[in-house]
Protein backbone atom coordinates (compact mmCIF):
# COMPACT_ATOMS: atom_id res chain seq x y z
CA MET A 1 -8.53 -7.46 -20.39
CA THR A 2 -7.86 -5.25 -17.42
CA THR A 3 -5.34 -2.50 -16.76
CA LEU A 4 -2.53 -2.67 -14.21
CA THR A 5 -0.82 0.61 -13.32
CA ILE A 6 2.61 0.27 -11.75
CA GLN A 7 3.95 2.97 -9.44
CA PRO A 8 6.30 4.78 -9.06
CA SER A 9 6.98 4.54 -12.83
CA GLY A 10 3.35 5.14 -13.84
CA LYS A 11 3.63 2.43 -16.51
CA THR A 12 0.38 0.67 -17.45
CA VAL A 13 -0.07 -2.76 -18.96
CA GLU A 14 -3.09 -4.69 -20.20
CA ALA A 15 -3.48 -8.18 -18.75
CA ALA A 16 -6.07 -10.92 -18.84
CA PRO A 17 -8.14 -11.54 -15.71
CA GLY A 18 -6.52 -14.38 -13.77
CA THR A 19 -2.98 -13.19 -14.54
CA SER A 20 -0.83 -12.78 -11.45
CA ILE A 21 0.32 -9.26 -10.64
CA LEU A 22 3.92 -10.57 -10.77
CA GLN A 23 3.45 -11.86 -14.34
CA ALA A 24 1.89 -8.56 -15.43
CA ILE A 25 4.68 -6.49 -13.83
CA LEU A 26 7.39 -8.54 -15.49
CA ALA A 27 5.55 -8.44 -18.85
CA ALA A 28 5.55 -4.65 -18.57
CA GLY A 29 9.34 -4.70 -18.36
CA GLU A 30 9.45 -3.63 -14.73
CA LYS A 31 11.85 -5.18 -12.24
CA LEU A 32 10.49 -7.17 -9.31
CA VAL A 33 12.42 -9.84 -7.45
CA SER A 34 10.87 -13.29 -7.04
CA LYS A 35 13.31 -15.79 -5.55
CA CYS A 36 10.93 -18.69 -4.92
CA GLY A 37 9.33 -19.03 -8.34
CA GLY A 38 5.95 -17.72 -7.27
CA GLU A 39 5.34 -20.14 -4.39
CA ALA A 40 4.82 -17.53 -1.61
CA LYS A 41 7.95 -18.71 0.20
CA CYS A 42 10.33 -15.73 -0.07
CA GLY A 43 8.12 -12.64 0.21
CA ALA A 44 10.40 -10.73 -2.17
CA CYS A 45 7.48 -9.76 -4.45
CA HIS A 46 5.68 -7.83 -1.68
CA VAL A 47 3.77 -4.90 -3.21
CA PHE A 48 1.08 -2.48 -2.08
CA VAL A 49 -2.22 -2.71 -3.99
CA THR A 50 -3.29 0.92 -3.75
CA GLU A 51 -6.35 0.80 -6.02
CA GLY A 52 -8.62 -2.05 -7.09
CA ARG A 53 -8.10 -4.25 -4.03
CA LYS A 54 -11.67 -5.54 -4.15
CA THR A 55 -11.28 -6.88 -7.69
CA VAL A 56 -8.14 -8.99 -7.12
CA SER A 57 -8.16 -12.55 -5.77
CA LYS A 58 -8.71 -13.14 -2.07
CA MET A 59 -5.68 -13.71 0.10
CA SER A 60 -4.87 -17.37 0.74
CA PRO A 61 -3.71 -18.67 4.13
CA LEU A 62 -0.28 -19.34 2.57
CA GLU A 63 0.08 -15.73 1.43
CA ASN A 64 -1.23 -14.37 4.72
CA GLY A 65 1.25 -16.51 6.65
CA LYS A 66 4.21 -15.25 4.59
CA LEU A 67 3.10 -11.61 4.92
CA ASP A 68 2.99 -12.09 8.71
CA THR A 69 6.76 -12.72 8.63
CA LEU A 70 7.69 -9.60 6.65
CA VAL A 71 8.65 -6.12 7.85
CA GLY A 72 6.73 -3.12 6.50
CA VAL A 73 3.46 -4.93 5.84
CA GLY A 74 0.25 -2.91 5.87
CA SER A 75 -3.40 -3.27 4.97
CA LYS A 76 -2.60 -2.83 1.25
CA SER A 77 0.15 -5.48 1.25
CA ARG A 78 0.00 -8.44 -1.13
CA LEU A 79 2.45 -10.87 -2.67
CA ALA A 80 2.47 -10.17 -6.40
CA CYS A 81 3.00 -13.87 -7.18
CA GLN A 82 -0.19 -14.86 -5.35
CA THR A 83 -2.50 -12.00 -6.33
CA LEU A 84 -4.57 -12.54 -9.47
CA LEU A 85 -6.06 -9.69 -11.42
CA GLY A 86 -9.81 -9.43 -11.80
CA THR A 87 -11.83 -7.45 -14.31
CA GLU A 88 -11.35 -3.94 -12.89
CA PRO A 89 -8.24 -1.71 -13.13
CA VAL A 90 -5.61 -2.16 -10.40
CA THR A 91 -2.75 0.06 -9.23
CA VAL A 92 0.26 -1.34 -7.39
CA GLU A 93 3.22 0.35 -5.74
CA LEU A 94 6.58 -1.37 -6.01
CA LEU A 95 8.63 -1.19 -2.85
CA GLY A 96 12.19 0.13 -2.65
CA ALA A 97 15.23 -2.10 -3.03
CA LEU A 98 13.42 -5.28 -4.08
CA SER A 99 11.82 -3.56 -7.04
CA GLY A 100 15.11 -2.39 -8.52
CA PHE A 101 14.67 1.29 -7.57
């Protein structure tokens, strides 16, 4: 198991390696919009991975292509539906309106 810390709430959840960040966030009871069912088509689950970026799955061309169409993307940007947890702790920051804040 690994630990996912969700900001700005500070909530932490244990998840198995290979679990998507979206699944772990929803299992923690946090709100995060995903309109496309996890297929990297909507970009609504855009998050910033602020710690543990080297332990999560590599970005696929599909995810990279969707991120290229979004506003506010930075070097820490990932789609929660496409990013799989590894074995080390990870911290993500949920972004504004889409996260229910």
